[in-house]
Amino acid sequence: MKKELSEERKTRLAYIWAAIALISSVVLGALVAAGSDQILPIFLGLATVLYGPVTAFLYIREVRNGVFKVEEDDNE
């Protein structure tokens, strides 16, 4: 049983994630420009630690959705 998101909900989620990305990049840029020598290594370390599990989770989710499924042609 697959639960589909409505178009309105997808749009709202896209706006929320765009705002989060914009705000975090502005804050990170401001801290680096202000000379904080601790925030960039911490941010890069967290991103490195989180990248693997997040990528694996999203990959498994797409495989379950059938992204690699090959459909046979009945015309042959």
PDB file of N, CA and C in Angstrom:
ATOM      1  N   MET A   1       0.841  -1.166   0.000  1.00  0.00           N
ATOM      2  CA  MET A   1       0.000   0.000   0.000  1.00  0.00           C
ATOM      3  C   MET A   1       0.893   1.238   0.000  1.00  0.00           C
ATOM      4  N   LYS A   2       0.885   1.962  -1.095  1.00  0.00           N
ATOM      5  CA  LYS A   2       1.754   3.116  -1.258  1.00  0.00           C
ATOM      6  C   LYS A   2       0.966   4.387  -0.951  1.00  0.00           C
ATOM      7  N   LYS A   3       1.555   5.243  -0.138  1.00  0.00           N
ATOM      8  CA  LYS A   3       0.907   6.499   0.233  1.00  0.00           C
ATOM      9  C   LYS A   3       1.501   7.620  -0.616  1.00  0.00           C
ATOM     10  N   GLU A   4       0.695   8.202  -1.464  1.00  0.00           N
ATOM     11  CA  GLU A   4       1.159   9.264  -2.358  1.00  0.00           C
ATOM     12  C   GLU A   4       0.918  10.634  -1.720  1.00  0.00           C
ATOM     13  N   LEU A   5       1.852  11.543  -1.944  1.00  0.00           N
ATOM     14  CA  LEU A   5       1.682  12.912  -1.475  1.00  0.00           C
ATOM     15  C   LEU A   5       0.917  13.714  -2.509  1.00  0.00           C
ATOM     16  N   SER A   6       0.069  14.596  -2.023  1.00  0.00           N
ATOM     17  CA  SER A   6      -0.664  15.448  -2.943  1.00  0.00           C
ATOM     18  C   SER A   6       0.284  16.495  -3.524  1.00  0.00           C
ATOM     19  N   GLU A   7      -0.119  17.060  -4.633  1.00  0.00           N
ATOM     20  CA  GLU A   7       0.707  18.072  -5.306  1.00  0.00           C
ATOM     21  C   GLU A   7       0.905  19.297  -4.407  1.00  0.00           C
ATOM     22  N   GLU A   8      -0.130  19.665  -3.680  1.00  0.00           N
ATOM     23  CA  GLU A   8      -0.040  20.818  -2.777  1.00  0.00           C
ATOM     24  C   GLU A   8       0.959  20.546  -1.653  1.00  0.00           C
ATOM     25  N   ARG A   9       0.920  19.356  -1.113  1.00  0.00           N
ATOM     26  CA  ARG A   9       1.845  19.004  -0.027  1.00  0.00           C
ATOM     27  C   ARG A   9       3.288  18.947  -0.535  1.00  0.00           C
ATOM     28  N   LYS A  10       3.489  18.411  -1.742  1.00  0.00           N
ATOM     29  CA  LYS A  10       4.832  18.374  -2.323  1.00  0.00           C
ATOM     30  C   LYS A  10       5.381  19.787  -2.516  1.00  0.00           C
ATOM     31  N   THR A  11       4.522  20.689  -2.982  1.00  0.00           N
ATOM     32  CA  THR A  11       4.946  22.075  -3.187  1.00  0.00           C
ATOM     33  C   THR A  11       5.307  22.727  -1.862  1.00  0.00           C
ATOM     34  N   ARG A  12       4.494  22.485  -0.841  1.00  0.00           N
ATOM     35  CA  ARG A  12       4.763  23.070   0.473  1.00  0.00           C
ATOM     36  C   ARG A  12       6.077  22.518   1.046  1.00  0.00           C
ATOM     37  N   LEU A  13       6.309  21.212   0.904  1.00  0.00           N
ATOM     38  CA  LEU A  13       7.565  20.628   1.372  1.00  0.00           C
ATOM     39  C   LEU A  13       8.766  21.186   0.610  1.00  0.00           C
ATOM     40  N   ALA A  14       8.601  21.395  -0.680  1.00  0.00           N
ATOM     41  CA  ALA A  14       9.692  21.968  -1.478  1.00  0.00           C
ATOM     42  C   ALA A  14      10.033  23.378  -1.004  1.00  0.00           C
ATOM     43  N   TYR A  15       9.016  24.178  -0.698  1.00  0.00           N
ATOM     44  CA  TYR A  15       9.259  25.531  -0.183  1.00  0.00           C
ATOM     45  C   TYR A  15       9.948  25.494   1.179  1.00  0.00           C
ATOM     46  N   ILE A  16       9.523  24.577   2.032  1.00  0.00           N
ATOM     47  CA  ILE A  16      10.131  24.473   3.359  1.00  0.00           C
ATOM     48  C   ILE A  16      11.599  24.088   3.252  1.00  0.00           C
ATOM     49  N   TRP A  17      11.913  23.082   2.421  1.00  0.00           N
ATOM     50  CA  TRP A  17      13.301  22.651   2.280  1.00  0.00           C
ATOM     51  C   TRP A  17      14.157  23.714   1.595  1.00  0.00           C
ATOM     52  N   ALA A  18      13.574  24.451   0.666  1.00  0.00           N
ATOM     53  CA  ALA A  18      14.321  25.543   0.028  1.00  0.00           C
ATOM     54  C   ALA A  18      14.654  26.626   1.058  1.00  0.00           C
ATOM     55  N   ALA A  19      13.700  26.934   1.932  1.00  0.00           N
ATOM     56  CA  ALA A  19      13.944  27.939   2.979  1.00  0.00           C
ATOM     57  C   ALA A  19      15.008  27.445   3.954  1.00  0.00           C
ATOM     58  N   ILE A  20      14.952  26.174   4.341  1.00  0.00           N
ATOM     59  CA  ILE A  20      15.963  25.618   5.253  1.00  0.00           C
ATOM     60  C   ILE A  20      17.343  25.677   4.614  1.00  0.00           C
ATOM     61  N   ALA A  21      17.440  25.320   3.348  1.00  0.00           N
ATOM     62  CA  ALA A  21      18.734  25.357   2.652  1.00  0.00           C
ATOM     63  C   ALA A  21      19.269  26.775   2.549  1.00  0.00           C
ATOM     64  N   LEU A  22      18.394  27.720   2.236  1.00  0.00           N
ATOM     65  CA  LEU A  22      18.821  29.116   2.107  1.00  0.00           C
ATOM     66  C   LEU A  22      19.284  29.677   3.447  1.00  0.00           C
ATOM     67  N   ILE A  23      18.503  29.444   4.487  1.00  0.00           N
ATOM     68  CA  ILE A  23      18.856  29.963   5.808  1.00  0.00           C
ATOM     69  C   ILE A  23      20.158  29.344   6.316  1.00  0.00           C
ATOM     70  N   SER A  24      20.300  28.030   6.163  1.00  0.00           N
ATOM     71  CA  SER A  24      21.526  27.389   6.648  1.00  0.00           C
ATOM     72  C   SER A  24      22.753  27.839   5.860  1.00  0.00           C
ATOM     73  N   SER A  25      22.610  28.048   4.559  1.00  0.00           N
ATOM     74  CA  SER A  25      23.768  28.506   3.783  1.00  0.00           C
ATOM     75  C   SER A  25      24.147  29.943   4.145  1.00  0.00           C
ATOM     76  N   VAL A  26      23.160  30.788   4.431  1.00  0.00           N
ATOM     77  CA  VAL A  26      23.458  32.168   4.846  1.00  0.00           C
ATOM     78  C   VAL A  26      24.147  32.171   6.204  1.00  0.00           C
ATOM     79  N   VAL A  27      23.638  31.377   7.147  1.00  0.00           N
ATOM     80  CA  VAL A  27      24.247  31.318   8.481  1.00  0.00           C
ATOM     81  C   VAL A  27      25.664  30.759   8.394  1.00  0.00           C
ATOM     82  N   LEU A  28      25.839  29.677   7.655  1.00  0.00           N
ATOM     83  CA  LEU A  28      27.170  29.086   7.501  1.00  0.00           C
ATOM     84  C   LEU A  28      28.130  30.072   6.843  1.00  0.00           C
ATOM     85  N   GLY A  29      27.679  30.741   5.786  1.00  0.00           N
ATOM     86  CA  GLY A  29      28.528  31.724   5.116  1.00  0.00           C
ATOM     87  C   GLY A  29      28.895  32.885   6.015  1.00  0.00           C
ATOM     88  N   ALA A  30      27.938  33.356   6.815  1.00  0.00           N
ATOM     89  CA  ALA A  30      28.212  34.470   7.729  1.00  0.00           C
ATOM     90  C   ALA A  30      29.219  34.061   8.799  1.00  0.00           C
ATOM     91  N   LEU A  31      29.086  32.859   9.318  1.00  0.00           N
ATOM     92  CA  LEU A  31      30.027  32.411  10.344  1.00  0.00           C
ATOM     93  C   LEU A  31      31.430  32.216   9.783  1.00  0.00           C
ATOM     94  N   VAL A  32      31.529  31.700   8.581  1.00  0.00           N
ATOM     95  CA  VAL A  32      32.848  31.525   7.968  1.00  0.00           C
ATOM     96  C   VAL A  32      33.452  32.890   7.647  1.00  0.00           C
ATOM     97  N   ALA A  33      32.635  33.804   7.132  1.00  0.00           N
ATOM     98  CA  ALA A  33      33.134  35.145   6.800  1.00  0.00           C
ATOM     99  C   ALA A  33      33.543  35.911   8.056  1.00  0.00           C
ATOM    100  N   ALA A  34      32.892  35.633   9.186  1.00  0.00           N
ATOM    101  CA  ALA A  34      33.227  36.319  10.433  1.00  0.00           C
ATOM    102  C   ALA A  34      34.507  35.772  11.055  1.00  0.00           C
ATOM    103  N   GLY A  35      35.040  34.720  10.491  1.00  0.00           N
ATOM    104  CA  GLY A  35      36.313  34.198  10.967  1.00  0.00           C
ATOM    105  C   GLY A  35      36.184  33.067  11.965  1.00  0.00           C
ATOM    106  N   SER A  36      35.027  32.455  12.055  1.00  0.00           N
ATOM    107  CA  SER A  36      34.864  31.322  12.952  1.00  0.00           C
ATOM    108  C   SER A  36      35.603  30.128  12.365  1.00  0.00           C
ATOM    109  N   ASP A  37      36.659  29.713  13.054  1.00  0.00           N
ATOM    110  CA  ASP A  37      37.448  28.606  12.541  1.00  0.00           C
ATOM    111  C   ASP A  37      36.968  27.252  13.054  1.00  0.00           C
ATOM    112  N   GLN A  38      35.853  27.226  13.775  1.00  0.00           N
ATOM    113  CA  GLN A  38      35.328  25.970  14.287  1.00  0.00           C
ATOM    114  C   GLN A  38      34.087  25.499  13.543  1.00  0.00           C
ATOM    115  N   ILE A  39      33.298  26.419  13.011  1.00  0.00           N
ATOM    116  CA  ILE A  39      32.011  26.030  12.434  1.00  0.00           C
ATOM    117  C   ILE A  39      32.169  25.242  11.138  1.00  0.00           C
ATOM    118  N   LEU A  40      33.099  25.607  10.281  1.00  0.00           N
ATOM    119  CA  LEU A  40      33.248  24.908   9.004  1.00  0.00           C
ATOM    120  C   LEU A  40      33.682  23.451   9.182  1.00  0.00           C
ATOM    121  N   PRO A  41      34.701  23.158  10.000  1.00  0.00           N
ATOM    122  CA  PRO A  41      35.041  21.732  10.199  1.00  0.00           C
ATOM    123  C   PRO A  41      33.906  20.937  10.854  1.00  0.00           C
ATOM    124  N   ILE A  42      33.182  21.552  11.778  1.00  0.00           N
ATOM    125  CA  ILE A  42      32.057  20.857  12.414  1.00  0.00           C
ATOM    126  C   ILE A  42      30.969  20.582  11.389  1.00  0.00           C
ATOM    127  N   PHE A  43      30.641  21.558  10.572  1.00  0.00           N
ATOM    128  CA  PHE A  43      29.612  21.392   9.551  1.00  0.00           C
ATOM    129  C   PHE A  43      30.009  20.321   8.538  1.00  0.00           C
ATOM    130  N   LEU A  44      31.244  20.378   8.068  1.00  0.00           N
ATOM    131  CA  LEU A  44      31.706  19.383   7.095  1.00  0.00           C
ATOM    132  C   LEU A  44      31.771  17.991   7.707  1.00  0.00           C
ATOM    133  N   GLY A  45      32.157  17.892   8.976  1.00  0.00           N
ATOM    134  CA  GLY A  45      32.178  16.603   9.651  1.00  0.00           C
ATOM    135  C   GLY A  45      30.784  16.017   9.792  1.00  0.00           C
ATOM    136  N   LEU A  46      29.815  16.837  10.197  1.00  0.00           N
ATOM    137  CA  LEU A  46      28.432  16.370  10.315  1.00  0.00           C
ATOM    138  C   LEU A  46      27.876  15.953   8.961  1.00  0.00           C
ATOM    139  N   ALA A  47      28.171  16.737   7.936  1.00  0.00           N
ATOM    140  CA  ALA A  47      27.684  16.404   6.602  1.00  0.00           C
ATOM    141  C   ALA A  47      28.274  15.072   6.135  1.00  0.00           C
ATOM    142  N   THR A  48      29.533  14.836   6.428  1.00  0.00           N
ATOM    143  CA  THR A  48      30.187  13.589   6.029  1.00  0.00           C
ATOM    144  C   THR A  48      29.588  12.394   6.763  1.00  0.00           C
ATOM    145  N   VAL A  49      29.332  12.553   8.054  1.00  0.00           N
ATOM    146  CA  VAL A  49      28.774  11.452   8.850  1.00  0.00           C
ATOM    147  C   VAL A  49      27.341  11.142   8.426  1.00  0.00           C
ATOM    148  N   LEU A  50      26.565  12.160   8.079  1.00  0.00           N
ATOM    149  CA  LEU A  50      25.162  11.958   7.719  1.00  0.00           C
ATOM    150  C   LEU A  50      24.958  11.536   6.272  1.00  0.00           C
ATOM    151  N   TYR A  51      25.895  11.824   5.397  1.00  0.00           N
ATOM    152  CA  TYR A  51      25.716  11.582   3.972  1.00  0.00           C
ATOM    153  C   TYR A  51      25.497  10.103   3.651  1.00  0.00           C
ATOM    154  N   GLY A  52      26.285   9.232   4.231  1.00  0.00           N
ATOM    155  CA  GLY A  52      26.188   7.802   3.937  1.00  0.00           C
ATOM    156  C   GLY A  52      24.839   7.207   4.310  1.00  0.00           C
ATOM    157  N   PRO A  53      24.412   7.327   5.558  1.00  0.00           N
ATOM    158  CA  PRO A  53      23.117   6.749   5.940  1.00  0.00           C
ATOM    159  C   PRO A  53      21.922   7.371   5.208  1.00  0.00           C
ATOM    160  N   VAL A  54      21.951   8.657   4.989  1.00  0.00           N
ATOM    161  CA  VAL A  54      20.839   9.306   4.284  1.00  0.00           C
ATOM    162  C   VAL A  54      20.776   8.807   2.844  1.00  0.00           C
ATOM    163  N   THR A  55      21.929   8.718   2.186  1.00  0.00           N
ATOM    164  CA  THR A  55      21.970   8.226   0.816  1.00  0.00           C
ATOM    165  C   THR A  55      21.497   6.776   0.738  1.00  0.00           C
ATOM    166  N   ALA A  56      21.927   5.947   1.683  1.00  0.00           N
ATOM    167  CA  ALA A  56      21.506   4.546   1.695  1.00  0.00           C
ATOM    168  C   ALA A  56      20.002   4.434   1.894  1.00  0.00           C
ATOM    169  N   PHE A  57      19.440   5.212   2.805  1.00  0.00           N
ATOM    170  CA  PHE A  57      17.999   5.189   3.053  1.00  0.00           C
ATOM    171  C   PHE A  57      17.220   5.595   1.805  1.00  0.00           C
ATOM    172  N   LEU A  58      17.638   6.680   1.162  1.00  0.00           N
ATOM    173  CA  LEU A  58      16.935   7.152  -0.032  1.00  0.00           C
ATOM    174  C   LEU A  58      17.073   6.152  -1.187  1.00  0.00           C
ATOM    175  N   TYR A  59      18.232   5.497  -1.307  1.00  0.00           N
ATOM    176  CA  TYR A  59      18.435   4.498  -2.351  1.00  0.00           C
ATOM    177  C   TYR A  59      17.499   3.302  -2.142  1.00  0.00           C
ATOM    178  N   ILE A  60      17.441   2.815  -0.915  1.00  0.00           N
ATOM    179  CA  ILE A  60      16.565   1.677  -0.608  1.00  0.00           C
ATOM    180  C   ILE A  60      15.101   2.035  -0.855  1.00  0.00           C
ATOM    181  N   ARG A  61      14.721   3.245  -0.520  1.00  0.00           N
ATOM    182  CA  ARG A  61      13.340   3.688  -0.753  1.00  0.00           C
ATOM    183  C   ARG A  61      13.014   3.703  -2.248  1.00  0.00           C
ATOM    184  N   GLU A  62      13.938   4.170  -3.067  1.00  0.00           N
ATOM    185  CA  GLU A  62      13.698   4.206  -4.515  1.00  0.00           C
ATOM    186  C   GLU A  62      13.665   2.796  -5.102  1.00  0.00           C
ATOM    187  N   VAL A  63      14.497   1.901  -4.581  1.00  0.00           N
ATOM    188  CA  VAL A  63      14.469   0.515  -5.054  1.00  0.00           C
ATOM    189  C   VAL A  63      13.120  -0.109  -4.721  1.00  0.00           C
ATOM    190  N   ARG A  64      12.601   0.148  -3.528  1.00  0.00           N
ATOM    191  CA  ARG A  64      11.284  -0.382  -3.151  1.00  0.00           C
ATOM    192  C   ARG A  64      10.179   0.202  -4.022  1.00  0.00           C
ATOM    193  N   ASN A  65      10.351   1.432  -4.491  1.00  0.00           N
ATOM    194  CA  ASN A  65       9.357   2.053  -5.375  1.00  0.00           C
ATOM    195  C   ASN A  65       9.431   1.494  -6.787  1.00  0.00           C
ATOM    196  N   GLY A  66      10.452   0.699  -7.080  1.00  0.00           N
ATOM    197  CA  GLY A  66      10.564   0.058  -8.384  1.00  0.00           C
ATOM    198  C   GLY A  66      11.259   0.897  -9.432  1.00  0.00           C
ATOM    199  N   VAL A  67      12.231   1.689  -9.034  1.00  0.00           N
ATOM    200  CA  VAL A  67      12.910   2.560  -9.983  1.00  0.00           C
ATOM    201  C   VAL A  67      13.695   1.756 -11.023  1.00  0.00           C
ATOM    202  N   PHE A  68      14.116   0.539 -10.679  1.00  0.00           N
ATOM    203  CA  PHE A  68      14.886  -0.285 -11.609  1.00  0.00           C
ATOM    204  C   PHE A  68      14.033  -1.353 -12.287  1.00  0.00           C
ATOM    205  N   LYS A  69      12.731  -1.319 -12.069  1.00  0.00           N
ATOM    206  CA  LYS A  69      11.856  -2.338 -12.638  1.00  0.00           C
ATOM    207  C   LYS A  69      11.810  -2.190 -14.157  1.00  0.00           C
ATOM    208  N   VAL A  70      11.977  -3.318 -14.848  1.00  0.00           N
ATOM    209  CA  VAL A  70      11.936  -3.339 -16.305  1.00  0.00           C
ATOM    210  C   VAL A  70      10.605  -3.961 -16.694  1.00  0.00           C
ATOM    211  N   GLU A  71       9.853  -3.209 -17.475  1.00  0.00           N
ATOM    212  CA  GLU A  71       8.553  -3.724 -17.917  1.00  0.00           C
ATOM    213  C   GLU A  71       8.707  -4.364 -19.291  1.00  0.00           C
ATOM    214  N   GLU A  72       8.132  -5.539 -19.443  1.00  0.00           N
ATOM    215  CA  GLU A  72       8.210  -6.280 -20.693  1.00  0.00           C
ATOM    216  C   GLU A  72       7.169  -5.738 -21.689  1.00  0.00           C
ATOM    217  N   ASP A  73       7.568  -5.690 -22.957  1.00  0.00           N
ATOM    218  CA  ASP A  73       6.632  -5.301 -24.006  1.00  0.00           C
ATOM    219  C   ASP A  73       5.786  -6.500 -24.403  1.00  0.00           C
ATOM    220  N   ASP A  74       4.482  -6.319 -24.473  1.00  0.00           N
ATOM    221  CA  ASP A  74       3.590  -7.398 -24.882  1.00  0.00           C
ATOM    222  C   ASP A  74       3.402  -7.455 -26.388  1.00  0.00           C
ATOM    223  N   ASN A  75       3.982  -6.514 -27.122  1.00  0.00           N
ATOM    224  CA  ASN A  75       3.801  -6.431 -28.572  1.00  0.00           C
ATOM    225  C   ASN A  75       4.654  -7.452 -29.322  1.00  0.00           C
ATOM    226  N   GLU A  76       5.594  -8.054 -28.688  1.00  0.00           N
ATOM    227  CA  GLU A  76       6.495  -8.960 -29.389  1.00  0.00           C
ATOM    228  C   GLU A  76       5.966 -10.346 -29.489  1.00  0.00           C
TER     229      GLU A  76
END
